[in-house]
C-alpha atoms as a PDB file:
ATOM      1  CA  UNK A   1     170.954  70.126 -80.396  1.00  0.00           C
ATOM      2  CA  UNK A   2     167.466  70.099 -81.944  1.00  0.00           C
ATOM      3  CA  UNK A   3     164.563  69.430 -79.787  1.00  0.00           C
ATOM      4  CA  UNK A   4     160.909  68.203 -80.515  1.00  0.00           C
ATOM      5  CA  UNK A   5     159.363  64.946 -82.098  1.00  0.00           C
ATOM      6  CA  UNK A   6     160.142  63.378 -85.492  1.00  0.00           C
ATOM      7  CA  UNK A   7     157.209  62.677 -87.718  1.00  0.00           C
ATOM      8  CA  UNK A   8     157.746  58.939 -87.232  1.00  0.00           C
ATOM      9  CA  UNK A   9     157.217  59.437 -83.438  1.00  0.00           C
ATOM     10  CA  UNK A  10     154.214  61.708 -83.908  1.00  0.00           C
ATOM     11  CA  UNK A  11     152.548  59.131 -86.287  1.00  0.00           C
ATOM     12  CA  UNK A  12     153.198  56.402 -83.828  1.00  0.00           C
ATOM     13  CA  UNK A  13     151.840  58.113 -81.064  1.00  0.00           C
ATOM     14  CA  UNK A  14     148.716  59.258 -83.052  1.00  0.00           C
ATOM     15  CA  UNK A  15     148.162  55.451 -84.132  1.00  0.00           C
ATOM     16  CA  UNK A  16     148.475  54.222 -80.527  1.00  0.00           C
ATOM     17  CA  UNK A  17     145.936  56.915 -79.427  1.00  0.00           C
ATOM     18  CA  UNK A  18     143.551  56.053 -82.148  1.00  0.00           C
ATOM     19  CA  UNK A  19     143.834  52.299 -81.398  1.00  0.00           C
ATOM     20  CA  UNK A  20     143.160  52.835 -77.408  1.00  0.00           C
ATOM     21  CA  UNK A  21     140.256  55.032 -78.466  1.00  0.00           C
ATOM     22  CA  UNK A  22     138.645  52.667 -80.725  1.00  0.00           C
ATOM     23  CA  UNK A  23     138.991  50.032 -77.926  1.00  0.00           C
ATOM     24  CA  UNK A  24     137.624  52.403 -75.018  1.00  0.00           C
ATOM     25  CA  UNK A  25     134.935  54.141 -77.030  1.00  0.00           C
ATOM     26  CA  UNK A  26     132.246  51.340 -76.933  1.00  0.00           C
ATOM     27  CA  UNK A  27     132.709  50.999 -73.202  1.00  0.00           C
ATOM     28  CA  UNK A  28     132.345  54.632 -72.625  1.00  0.00           C
ATOM     29  CA  UNK A  29     129.645  55.364 -75.202  1.00  0.00           C
ATOM     30  CA  UNK A  30     127.536  52.077 -74.733  1.00  0.00           C
ATOM     31  CA  UNK A  31     125.694  52.798 -71.443  1.00  0.00           C
ATOM     32  CA  UNK A  32     123.030  49.834 -72.053  1.00  0.00           C
ATOM     33  CA  UNK A  33     125.310  47.146 -70.104  1.00  0.00           C
ATOM     34  CA  UNK A  34     125.776  49.688 -67.320  1.00  0.00           C
ATOM     35  CA  UNK A  35     122.094  50.422 -67.133  1.00  0.00           C
ATOM     36  CA  UNK A  36     121.141  46.700 -67.143  1.00  0.00           C
ATOM     37  CA  UNK A  37     123.875  46.057 -64.310  1.00  0.00           C
ATOM     38  CA  UNK A  38     122.289  48.828 -62.173  1.00  0.00           C
ATOM     39  CA  UNK A  39     118.823  47.604 -62.709  1.00  0.00           C
ATOM     40  CA  UNK A  40     120.028  43.885 -61.898  1.00  0.00           C
ATOM     41  CA  UNK A  41     121.397  45.361 -58.642  1.00  0.00           C
ATOM     42  CA  UNK A  42     118.222  46.995 -57.956  1.00  0.00           C
ATOM     43  CA  UNK A  43     115.911  44.036 -58.602  1.00  0.00           C
ATOM     44  CA  UNK A  44     118.023  41.868 -56.286  1.00  0.00           C
ATOM     45  CA  UNK A  45     117.795  44.462 -53.659  1.00  0.00           C
ATOM     46  CA  UNK A  46     113.766  44.704 -54.077  1.00  0.00           C
ATOM     47  CA  UNK A  47     113.489  41.135 -53.684  1.00  0.00           C
ATOM     48  CA  UNK A  48     115.511  40.781 -50.695  1.00  0.00           C
ATOM     49  CA  UNK A  49     113.896  43.893 -49.053  1.00  0.00           C
ATOM     50  CA  UNK A  50     110.302  42.514 -49.866  1.00  0.00           C
ATOM     51  CA  UNK A  51     111.232  39.291 -48.017  1.00  0.00           C
ATOM     52  CA  UNK A  52     112.773  41.342 -45.102  1.00  0.00           C
ATOM     53  CA  UNK A  53     109.432  43.802 -44.950  1.00  0.00           C
ATOM     54  CA  UNK A  54     107.386  40.617 -45.115  1.00  0.00           C
ATOM     55  CA  UNK A  55     109.205  39.228 -41.945  1.00  0.00           C
ATOM     56  CA  UNK A  56     109.584  42.504 -40.017  1.00  0.00           C
ATOM     57  CA  UNK A  57     106.013  43.532 -40.318  1.00  0.00           C
ATOM     58  CA  UNK A  58     104.488  40.046 -39.902  1.00  0.00           C
ATOM     59  CA  UNK A  59     102.526  40.402 -43.192  1.00  0.00           C
ATOM     60  CA  UNK A  60     102.415  39.131 -46.712  1.00  0.00           C
ATOM     61  CA  UNK A  61     104.140  41.149 -49.322  1.00  0.00           C
ATOM     62  CA  UNK A  62     104.009  40.450 -53.173  1.00  0.00           C
ATOM     63  CA  UNK A  63     106.457  41.528 -55.838  1.00  0.00           C
ATOM     64  CA  UNK A  64     104.651  42.054 -59.093  1.00  0.00           C
ATOM     65  CA  UNK A  65     106.668  41.624 -62.388  1.00  0.00           C
ATOM     66  CA  UNK A  66     105.374  43.358 -65.650  1.00  0.00           C
ATOM     67  CA  UNK A  67     107.426  43.844 -68.932  1.00  0.00           C
ATOM     68  CA  UNK A  68     108.514  47.448 -67.575  1.00  0.00           C
ATOM     69  CA  UNK A  69     108.437  47.352 -63.872  1.00  0.00           C
ATOM     70  CA  UNK A  70     109.045  45.366 -60.868  1.00  0.00           C
ATOM     71  CA  UNK A  71     107.383  46.415 -57.732  1.00  0.00           C
ATOM     72  CA  UNK A  72     106.669  45.466 -54.111  1.00  0.00           C
ATOM     73  CA  UNK A  73     102.949  45.808 -52.866  1.00  0.00           C
ATOM     74  CA  UNK A  74     101.122  44.631 -49.804  1.00  0.00           C
ATOM     75  CA  UNK A  75      98.382  41.980 -49.649  1.00  0.00           C
ATOM     76  CA  UNK A  76      94.810  42.833 -49.303  1.00  0.00           C
ATOM     77  CA  UNK A  77      91.643  40.979 -48.755  1.00  0.00           C
ATOM     78  CA  UNK A  78      91.647  39.820 -52.358  1.00  0.00           C
ATOM     79  CA  UNK A  79      95.583  38.986 -52.753  1.00  0.00           C
ATOM     80  CA  UNK A  80      98.044  41.178 -54.031  1.00  0.00           C
ATOM     81  CA  UNK A  81      97.017  44.911 -53.868  1.00  0.00           C
ATOM     82  CA  UNK A  82      98.833  47.114 -56.536  1.00  0.00           C
ATOM     83  CA  UNK A  83      97.188  50.096 -54.900  1.00  0.00           C
ATOM     84  CA  UNK A  84      99.187  49.566 -51.572  1.00  0.00           C
ATOM     85  CA  UNK A  85     102.753  49.788 -52.540  1.00  0.00           C
ATOM     86  CA  UNK A  86     105.745  48.951 -50.023  1.00  0.00           C
ATOM     87  CA  UNK A  87     107.737  52.132 -49.332  1.00  0.00           C
ATOM     88  CA  UNK A  88     111.350  52.305 -50.381  1.00  0.00           C
ATOM     89  CA  UNK A  89     114.101  52.896 -47.764  1.00  0.00           C
ATOM     90  CA  UNK A  90     113.436  55.738 -45.501  1.00  0.00           C
ATOM     91  CA  UNK A  91     109.784  55.891 -46.753  1.00  0.00           C
ATOM     92  CA  UNK A  92     110.905  57.546 -50.056  1.00  0.00           C
ATOM     93  CA  UNK A  93     108.366  56.578 -52.589  1.00  0.00           C
ATOM     94  CA  UNK A  94     107.352  53.082 -53.544  1.00  0.00           C
ATOM     95  CA  UNK A  95     109.598  50.154 -53.681  1.00  0.00           C
ATOM     96  CA  UNK A  96     109.982  49.614 -57.606  1.00  0.00           C
ATOM     97  CA  UNK A  97     112.442  49.201 -60.288  1.00  0.00           C
ATOM     98  CA  UNK A  98     111.957  50.363 -63.847  1.00  0.00           C
ATOM     99  CA  UNK A  99     113.373  48.194 -66.847  1.00  0.00           C
ATOM    100  CA  UNK A 100     116.284  49.944 -68.544  1.00  0.00           C
ATOM    101  CA  UNK A 101     115.471  51.236 -72.263  1.00  0.00           C
ATOM    102  CA  UNK A 102     115.621  48.349 -74.711  1.00  0.00           C
ATOM    103  CA  UNK A 103     115.118  45.619 -71.991  1.00  0.00           C
ATOM    104  CA  UNK A 104     112.130  43.947 -70.329  1.00  0.00           C
ATOM    105  CA  UNK A 105     111.370  41.938 -67.255  1.00  0.00           C
ATOM    106  CA  UNK A 106     110.102  38.390 -67.642  1.00  0.00           C
ATOM    107  CA  UNK A 107     109.557  35.437 -65.467  1.00  0.00           C
ATOM    108  CA  UNK A 108     106.971  34.733 -62.807  1.00  0.00           C
ATOM    109  CA  UNK A 109     104.270  37.589 -62.728  1.00  0.00           C
ATOM    110  CA  UNK A 110     103.944  37.440 -58.921  1.00  0.00           C
ATOM    111  CA  UNK A 111     106.002  36.455 -55.998  1.00  0.00           C
ATOM    112  CA  UNK A 112     104.451  36.259 -52.677  1.00  0.00           C
ATOM    113  CA  UNK A 113     106.254  36.233 -49.161  1.00  0.00           C
ATOM    114  CA  UNK A 114     104.614  35.150 -46.167  1.00  0.00           C
ATOM    115  CA  UNK A 115     105.214  36.556 -42.770  1.00  0.00           C
ATOM    116  CA  UNK A 116     107.881  33.956 -42.373  1.00  0.00           C
ATOM    117  CA  UNK A 117     109.764  35.026 -45.466  1.00  0.00           C
ATOM    118  CA  UNK A 118     108.600  31.843 -47.483  1.00  0.00           C
ATOM    119  CA  UNK A 119     107.119  31.934 -51.071  1.00  0.00           C
ATOM    120  CA  UNK A 120     103.376  31.241 -51.296  1.00  0.00           C
ATOM    121  CA  UNK A 121     102.547  28.882 -53.024  1.00  0.00           C
ATOM    122  CA  UNK A 122     105.828  26.910 -52.141  1.00  0.00           C
ATOM    123  CA  UNK A 123     107.593  26.889 -55.630  1.00  0.00           C
ATOM    124  CA  UNK A 124     110.686  28.197 -57.118  1.00  0.00           C
ATOM    125  CA  UNK A 125     110.139  31.501 -58.731  1.00  0.00           C
ATOM    126  CA  UNK A 126     112.192  33.304 -61.307  1.00  0.00           C
ATOM    127  CA  UNK A 127     112.522  37.026 -62.451  1.00  0.00           C
ATOM    128  CA  UNK A 128     114.812  37.768 -65.615  1.00  0.00           C
ATOM    129  CA  UNK A 129     116.189  40.948 -67.064  1.00  0.00           C
ATOM    130  CA  UNK A 130     118.332  40.581 -70.138  1.00  0.00           C
ATOM    131  CA  UNK A 131     121.165  38.191 -69.478  1.00  0.00           C
ATOM    132  CA  UNK A 132     120.415  37.932 -65.835  1.00  0.00           C
ATOM    133  CA  UNK A 133     118.064  35.705 -63.961  1.00  0.00           C
ATOM    134  CA  UNK A 134     117.174  35.590 -60.239  1.00  0.00           C
ATOM    135  CA  UNK A 135     116.097  32.608 -58.442  1.00  0.00           C
ATOM    136  CA  UNK A 136     113.809  32.688 -55.173  1.00  0.00           C
ATOM    137  CA  UNK A 137     113.947  29.662 -53.266  1.00  0.00           C
ATOM    138  CA  UNK A 138     110.495  28.604 -51.772  1.00  0.00           C
ATOM    139  CA  UNK A 139     111.211  27.523 -48.274  1.00  0.00           C
ATOM    140  CA  UNK A 140     113.818  30.370 -47.429  1.00  0.00           C
ATOM    141  CA  UNK A 141     112.833  33.006 -49.847  1.00  0.00           C
ATOM    142  CA  UNK A 142     116.729  33.340 -50.523  1.00  0.00           C
ATOM    143  CA  UNK A 143     117.594  35.053 -53.535  1.00  0.00           C
ATOM    144  CA  UNK A 144     120.317  33.772 -55.958  1.00  0.00           C
END
């Protein structure tokens, strides 16, 4: 009794592996969607944390949005003070998110949470990255 595979079986296996590889390769090799998703989660967390810091410390906190970076800072006598960053979790570095390569942030350039967690001035604010947009409600500071 002969053992092994026929040429037809080997050919079918190679074709199926090639087909699966061609479907899976773009997902494995294209990290831009993964990077956008990670940055999106970080921006949502930054917005929520900024509001929580404002309420917990009973002081205004600003979120500054540029094309490359979203960062949280404290306010000073003249308003939002980029030289006074809010510390990240555990006091590790400033609370900020960099845009992934090939993407840019847009929307409102500044969001300011007061000590009660509300936006100042009272107007809906938006921050956008790629296909994702976060809306911050003025009365509650809720991020959706």
